[in-house]
């Protein structure tokens, strides 16, 4: 029920996923049953793998994250996480209140062994790779050790889901020199340097695209600002380009010739193609989709959840966290 266009886009995205991903054995739509059934009837879709779980409450964007879990126990996000906790589902996907999704999964599922705080791992396309920005908004009051854990979790996700053999890790700061940054980032730097991870050092905003690493570390406040700024910039550039190309018939003719190139770039920077961002660190799979998700974005968010399950992300995280502590004891 969460998201700017719920439940229409949510239901349509779920239907698209079931039609394309035949390995999904069961998919739950959790929310107001009459509304969900209306959307299914509109789409003319029936499938034995699809089940509706009726809920009487919805978390509003104005609701406090913690209070929404405590007071609205029959909300769609709370009930969806309960399905994961009971083992009836392997993952939860939500395009609604991010804070409520983080709170519900953290409170109900708890954290993985060795992880203190969850982090949202947002994929960012660059010219040469797809980097993982973590944390993109789950924990704005992070401690230095949390970013070390983010580094480990981000590297695991980059390696096992995105396919990078030895992901390089960069710490978001105001300069690439070792001594640059706040007291917070300097402390993180000191912890990462001897960690045994493939830590490249500090990176700046322009390094995200000009000299990219595979994992970019930031506290949730900084990471969320970086992510939304990047999204807005990409959207603005396409808007400016479209406006300028329409200014003359000659430009429009040139645009028609280059249509394929423009489409390729748009697809590469389109959040819909990436679907959603996994919430790493919780003892379960949770994917946070964009609040304005289209049906295609929801379908791809479900794909991201399936990939995380198939690649056994959480066992790998627990193993790598354990390896980090063993390395720290030896050094």
Protein backbone atom coordinates (compact mmCIF):
# COMPACT_ATOMS: atom_id res chain seq x y z
CA UNK A 1 0.00 0.00 0.00
CA UNK A 2 3.06 2.27 0.16
CA UNK A 3 4.30 4.55 -2.59
CA UNK A 4 3.03 7.49 -4.60
CA UNK A 5 1.02 5.31 -6.99
CA UNK A 6 -0.01 2.43 -4.74
CA UNK A 7 -1.64 0.04 -5.03
CA UNK A 8 -1.99 0.39 -8.83
CA UNK A 9 1.71 0.26 -9.72
CA UNK A 10 2.53 -2.16 -6.92
CA UNK A 11 0.00 -4.72 -8.10
CA UNK A 12 0.87 -4.29 -11.77
CA UNK A 13 4.57 -4.70 -10.97
CA UNK A 14 3.85 -7.87 -9.02
CA UNK A 15 1.86 -9.24 -11.95
CA UNK A 16 4.71 -8.43 -14.33
CA UNK A 17 7.13 -10.26 -12.02
CA UNK A 18 4.99 -13.39 -11.86
CA UNK A 19 4.60 -13.43 -15.63
CA UNK A 20 8.36 -13.13 -16.19
CA UNK A 21 9.94 -14.88 -13.21
CA UNK A 22 8.60 -18.42 -13.20
CA UNK A 23 10.94 -19.45 -10.36
CA UNK A 24 8.84 -17.42 -7.89
CA UNK A 25 6.76 -20.04 -6.10
CA UNK A 26 4.56 -17.66 -4.12
CA UNK A 27 3.98 -13.90 -4.02
CA UNK A 28 1.95 -12.12 -1.37
CA UNK A 29 0.17 -8.82 -1.94
CA UNK A 30 -0.21 -7.33 1.54
CA UNK A 31 -2.75 -4.54 1.95
CA UNK A 32 -6.40 -3.61 1.59
CA UNK A 33 -7.97 -6.64 -0.09
CA UNK A 34 -10.81 -4.87 -1.96
CA UNK A 35 -8.37 -2.41 -3.54
CA UNK A 36 -5.88 -5.15 -4.41
CA UNK A 37 -8.55 -7.38 -5.90
CA UNK A 38 -9.88 -4.46 -7.94
CA UNK A 39 -6.46 -3.95 -9.50
CA UNK A 40 -6.10 -7.66 -10.24
CA UNK A 41 -9.53 -7.71 -11.87
CA UNK A 42 -8.59 -4.66 -13.93
CA UNK A 43 -5.52 -6.49 -15.17
CA UNK A 44 -7.46 -9.70 -15.73
CA UNK A 45 -4.84 -11.66 -13.80
CA UNK A 46 -5.29 -14.91 -11.93
CA UNK A 47 -2.43 -17.11 -10.79
CA UNK A 48 -2.29 -19.75 -8.08
CA UNK A 49 1.06 -18.36 -6.91
CA UNK A 50 -0.53 -15.04 -5.94
CA UNK A 51 -2.04 -14.60 -2.47
CA UNK A 52 -3.64 -11.56 -0.84
CA UNK A 53 -3.08 -10.82 2.85
CA UNK A 54 -5.68 -8.32 4.03
CA UNK A 55 -4.59 -5.46 6.32
CA UNK A 56 -6.74 -2.81 7.92
CA UNK A 57 -4.06 -0.13 8.38
CA UNK A 58 -1.68 1.88 6.21
CA UNK A 59 1.44 3.76 7.32
CA UNK A 60 1.23 7.41 6.28
CA UNK A 61 4.34 9.35 5.26
CA UNK A 62 3.76 11.67 8.26
CA UNK A 63 3.87 8.76 10.71
CA UNK A 64 6.89 8.26 12.94
CA UNK A 65 8.87 5.20 11.87
CA UNK A 66 8.96 3.54 15.31
CA UNK A 67 5.40 4.53 16.23
CA UNK A 68 4.09 3.15 12.94
CA UNK A 69 5.42 -0.29 13.84
CA UNK A 70 4.16 -0.16 17.42
CA UNK A 71 0.75 1.41 16.81
CA UNK A 72 -0.11 0.09 13.35
CA UNK A 73 0.54 -3.60 13.78
CA UNK A 74 -1.97 -4.43 11.06
CA UNK A 75 -0.30 -2.21 8.48
CA UNK A 76 0.91 -3.64 5.19
CA UNK A 77 4.61 -3.22 6.02
CA UNK A 78 4.29 -4.80 9.48
CA UNK A 79 2.32 -7.76 8.20
CA UNK A 80 4.67 -8.22 5.23
CA UNK A 81 7.69 -8.36 7.55
CA UNK A 82 5.79 -10.82 9.76
CA UNK A 83 5.57 -13.16 6.75
CA UNK A 84 9.36 -13.12 6.48
CA UNK A 85 9.78 -13.60 10.23
CA UNK A 86 7.48 -16.65 10.21
CA UNK A 87 9.25 -18.16 7.20
CA UNK A 88 6.23 -17.91 4.91
CA UNK A 89 8.12 -15.46 2.68
CA UNK A 90 11.82 -15.09 1.89
CA UNK A 91 11.83 -11.34 1.24
CA UNK A 92 9.81 -8.17 1.56
CA UNK A 93 9.62 -5.39 -1.04
CA UNK A 94 8.26 -1.95 -0.15
CA UNK A 95 7.91 1.37 -1.99
CA UNK A 96 6.37 3.06 1.04
CA UNK A 97 7.67 4.81 4.14
CA UNK A 98 11.41 4.01 4.20
CA UNK A 99 11.72 4.66 7.92
CA UNK A 100 8.84 2.31 8.67
CA UNK A 101 10.37 -0.42 6.50
CA UNK A 102 13.74 -0.03 8.26
CA UNK A 103 12.11 0.02 11.70
CA UNK A 104 9.84 -2.96 11.03
CA UNK A 105 12.62 -5.17 9.68
CA UNK A 106 15.08 -4.12 12.39
CA UNK A 107 12.62 -4.66 15.25
CA UNK A 108 10.96 -7.83 13.97
CA UNK A 109 13.81 -9.59 12.16
CA UNK A 110 16.73 -8.26 14.23
CA UNK A 111 20.25 -7.80 12.91
CA UNK A 112 22.64 -10.32 11.44
CA UNK A 113 25.35 -11.55 13.78
CA UNK A 114 28.11 -8.96 13.99
CA UNK A 115 26.07 -6.13 12.42
CA UNK A 116 24.94 -3.19 14.57
CA UNK A 117 22.92 -1.08 12.11
CA UNK A 118 21.35 -1.73 8.71
CA UNK A 119 22.36 0.19 5.61
CA UNK A 120 20.54 0.87 2.34
CA UNK A 121 22.74 -0.15 -0.61
CA UNK A 122 21.72 2.02 -3.57
CA UNK A 123 23.08 1.15 -7.03
CA UNK A 124 24.54 4.10 -8.96
CA UNK A 125 25.44 3.65 -12.66
CA UNK A 126 28.71 5.18 -13.83
CA UNK A 127 30.49 5.17 -17.18
CA UNK A 128 32.39 1.99 -16.39
CA UNK A 129 30.51 0.17 -13.63
CA UNK A 130 27.62 0.12 -11.18
CA UNK A 131 28.77 1.23 -7.75
CA UNK A 132 26.96 0.61 -4.48
CA UNK A 133 26.33 3.65 -2.28
CA UNK A 134 25.82 2.58 1.34
CA UNK A 135 24.21 3.95 3.46
CA UNK A 136 21.61 5.77 1.38
CA UNK A 137 19.35 6.73 4.26
CA UNK A 138 18.75 4.02 6.86
CA UNK A 139 21.03 5.32 9.64
CA UNK A 140 21.72 9.06 9.80
CA UNK A 141 23.46 8.87 13.20
CA UNK A 142 26.14 6.39 12.21
CA UNK A 143 29.25 5.52 14.22
CA UNK A 144 32.60 4.80 12.56
CA UNK A 145 32.31 1.04 13.13
CA UNK A 146 28.97 1.07 11.30
CA UNK A 147 30.71 2.26 8.12
CA UNK A 148 33.23 -0.55 8.42
CA UNK A 149 30.30 -2.95 8.51
CA UNK A 150 28.77 -1.15 5.53
CA UNK A 151 32.05 -1.61 3.67
CA UNK A 152 31.92 -5.36 4.27
CA UNK A 153 28.24 -5.66 3.37
CA UNK A 154 28.57 -3.45 0.30
CA UNK A 155 31.54 -5.48 -0.93
CA UNK A 156 29.60 -8.74 -0.44
CA UNK A 157 26.66 -7.40 -2.44
CA UNK A 158 28.92 -6.02 -5.17
CA UNK A 159 30.77 -9.32 -5.45
CA UNK A 160 27.90 -11.80 -5.32
CA UNK A 161 25.07 -9.86 -7.01
CA UNK A 162 26.79 -7.33 -9.27
CA UNK A 163 29.66 -9.66 -10.18
CA UNK A 164 32.79 -7.66 -9.27
CA UNK A 165 35.55 -10.07 -8.21
CA UNK A 166 37.38 -7.72 -5.82
CA UNK A 167 35.24 -4.60 -5.22
CA UNK A 168 37.20 -1.45 -4.40
CA UNK A 169 35.87 0.69 -1.55
CA UNK A 170 35.94 4.46 -1.18
CA UNK A 171 34.98 6.70 1.74
CA UNK A 172 32.96 9.79 0.80
CA UNK A 173 34.83 12.89 1.98
CA UNK A 174 35.78 16.43 0.95
CA UNK A 175 39.19 15.50 -0.44
CA UNK A 176 41.15 12.44 -1.50
CA UNK A 177 44.06 13.11 0.84
CA UNK A 178 44.22 10.84 3.89
CA UNK A 179 44.02 13.76 6.34
CA UNK A 180 40.94 15.38 4.73
CA UNK A 181 37.46 15.17 6.21
CA UNK A 182 35.64 15.50 9.51
CA UNK A 183 36.65 13.82 12.77
CA UNK A 184 34.06 11.18 11.90
CA UNK A 185 35.45 10.32 8.45
CA UNK A 186 39.03 10.42 9.75
CA UNK A 187 38.12 7.81 12.37
CA UNK A 188 36.42 5.66 9.74
CA UNK A 189 39.55 5.97 7.58
CA UNK A 190 41.75 4.73 10.46
CA UNK A 191 39.52 1.67 10.89
CA UNK A 192 39.38 0.84 7.18
CA UNK A 193 43.07 1.18 6.33
CA UNK A 194 44.17 -1.96 8.26
CA UNK A 195 40.89 -3.84 7.72
CA UNK A 196 42.10 -6.17 4.98
CA UNK A 197 39.39 -4.83 2.67
CA UNK A 198 40.17 -3.42 -0.79
CA UNK A 199 40.02 0.14 0.57
CA UNK A 200 41.15 2.77 -1.95
CA UNK A 201 40.85 5.72 0.44
CA UNK A 202 38.79 8.90 0.37
CA UNK A 203 36.69 9.75 -2.67
CA UNK A 204 34.89 12.97 -3.58
CA UNK A 205 31.55 13.52 -5.27
CA UNK A 206 32.99 13.71 -8.78
CA UNK A 207 34.81 10.40 -8.23
CA UNK A 208 31.44 8.64 -8.30
CA UNK A 209 31.46 9.09 -12.08
CA UNK A 210 34.99 10.12 -13.13
CA UNK A 211 37.06 7.66 -11.09
CA UNK A 212 34.53 5.23 -9.66
CA UNK A 213 34.99 2.56 -7.03
CA UNK A 214 32.56 -0.36 -6.61
CA UNK A 215 31.45 0.60 -3.06
CA UNK A 216 31.04 4.15 -1.73
CA UNK A 217 30.66 4.62 2.03
CA UNK A 218 28.71 7.39 3.76
CA UNK A 219 26.53 7.92 6.79
CA UNK A 220 22.82 7.80 5.99
CA UNK A 221 22.39 11.58 5.93
CA UNK A 222 25.23 12.21 3.49
CA UNK A 223 24.42 9.16 1.38
CA UNK A 224 20.77 10.12 0.97
CA UNK A 225 21.70 13.66 -0.10
CA UNK A 226 24.24 12.31 -2.62
CA UNK A 227 21.75 9.81 -4.05
CA UNK A 228 18.88 12.26 -4.45
CA UNK A 229 21.17 14.92 -5.91
CA UNK A 230 22.46 12.44 -8.48
CA UNK A 231 18.91 11.37 -9.38
CA UNK A 232 17.73 14.96 -9.73
CA UNK A 233 20.76 15.93 -11.84
CA UNK A 234 20.20 13.05 -14.26
CA UNK A 235 16.53 13.96 -14.57
CA UNK A 236 17.32 17.65 -15.13
CA UNK A 237 19.90 16.91 -17.84
CA UNK A 238 17.43 14.85 -19.83
CA UNK A 239 14.82 17.59 -19.45
CA UNK A 240 17.28 20.26 -20.65
CA UNK A 241 18.40 18.07 -23.53
CA UNK A 242 14.83 17.41 -24.64
CA UNK A 243 14.03 21.13 -24.53
CA UNK A 244 17.10 22.12 -26.55
CA UNK A 245 16.61 19.40 -29.17
CA UNK A 246 13.12 20.71 -29.90
CA UNK A 247 14.31 24.24 -30.64
CA UNK A 248 14.87 23.65 -34.38
CA UNK A 249 14.03 21.09 -37.10
CA UNK A 250 17.76 20.49 -37.64
CA UNK A 251 18.29 19.55 -34.01
CA UNK A 252 15.20 17.33 -34.09
CA UNK A 253 16.58 15.56 -37.14
CA UNK A 254 19.89 15.00 -35.39
CA UNK A 255 18.07 13.71 -32.33
CA UNK A 256 16.19 11.19 -34.47
CA UNK A 257 19.48 9.87 -35.83
CA UNK A 258 20.91 9.57 -32.30
CA UNK A 259 17.70 8.18 -30.82
CA UNK A 260 19.28 4.80 -30.06
CA UNK A 261 22.16 6.38 -28.14
CA UNK A 262 19.81 8.59 -26.13
CA UNK A 263 17.67 5.58 -25.22
CA UNK A 264 20.72 3.58 -24.14
CA UNK A 265 21.86 6.38 -21.83
CA UNK A 266 18.37 6.87 -20.44
CA UNK A 267 18.05 3.15 -19.69
CA UNK A 268 21.43 3.16 -17.96
CA UNK A 269 20.46 6.06 -15.69
CA UNK A 270 16.81 5.05 -15.19
CA UNK A 271 16.11 3.98 -11.60
CA UNK A 272 13.27 1.79 -12.90
CA UNK A 273 15.79 -0.62 -14.42
CA UNK A 274 17.54 -1.09 -11.07
CA UNK A 275 14.29 -1.62 -9.18
CA UNK A 276 15.21 -1.06 -5.59
CA UNK A 277 17.92 -0.91 -2.96
CA UNK A 278 18.52 -3.81 -0.58
CA UNK A 279 18.52 -3.04 3.14
CA UNK A 280 21.67 -4.88 4.18
CA UNK A 281 22.34 -6.07 7.72
CA UNK A 282 18.90 -7.24 8.80
CA UNK A 283 18.25 -10.94 9.37
CA UNK A 284 16.11 -11.26 6.27
CA UNK A 285 15.84 -9.82 2.78
CA UNK A 286 14.28 -6.37 2.42
CA UNK A 287 14.29 -4.26 -0.73
CA UNK A 288 13.44 -0.55 -0.57
CA UNK A 289 11.85 0.66 -3.81
CA UNK A 290 11.56 4.30 -4.90
CA UNK A 291 8.49 6.10 -3.59
CA UNK A 292 7.44 7.02 -7.14
CA UNK A 293 8.07 3.51 -8.48
CA UNK A 294 6.41 2.56 -11.73
CA UNK A 295 5.17 -0.97 -12.33
CA UNK A 296 8.47 -1.73 -14.09
CA UNK A 297 10.43 -0.51 -11.06
CA UNK A 298 8.37 -2.73 -8.75
CA UNK A 299 8.97 -5.72 -11.02
CA UNK A 300 12.70 -5.07 -10.93
CA UNK A 301 12.64 -4.55 -7.16
CA UNK A 302 11.19 -8.05 -6.89
CA UNK A 303 14.01 -9.25 -9.18
CA UNK A 304 16.56 -7.68 -6.82
CA UNK A 305 14.96 -9.54 -3.91
CA UNK A 306 15.15 -12.82 -5.84
CA UNK A 307 18.83 -12.23 -6.66
CA UNK A 308 19.64 -11.56 -3.00
CA UNK A 309 17.92 -14.78 -1.97
CA UNK A 310 19.55 -16.84 -4.72
CA UNK A 311 23.04 -15.50 -4.00
CA UNK A 312 22.64 -16.10 -0.24
CA UNK A 313 23.72 -12.57 0.60
CA UNK A 314 23.10 -12.80 4.34
CA UNK A 315 25.21 -15.93 5.01
CA UNK A 316 28.03 -14.32 3.02
CA UNK A 317 27.75 -11.13 5.10
CA UNK A 318 27.91 -13.08 8.38
CA UNK A 319 30.96 -14.98 7.13
CA UNK A 320 32.80 -11.83 6.01
CA UNK A 321 32.01 -9.98 9.25
CA UNK A 322 33.50 -12.95 11.13
CA UNK A 323 36.58 -12.89 8.88
CA UNK A 324 37.03 -9.17 9.58
CA UNK A 325 37.06 -9.71 13.35
CA UNK A 326 39.53 -12.57 13.02
CA UNK A 327 41.76 -10.36 10.84
CA UNK A 328 41.52 -7.55 13.42
CA UNK A 329 42.64 -9.90 16.21
CA UNK A 330 45.71 -10.99 14.23
CA UNK A 331 46.68 -7.41 13.44
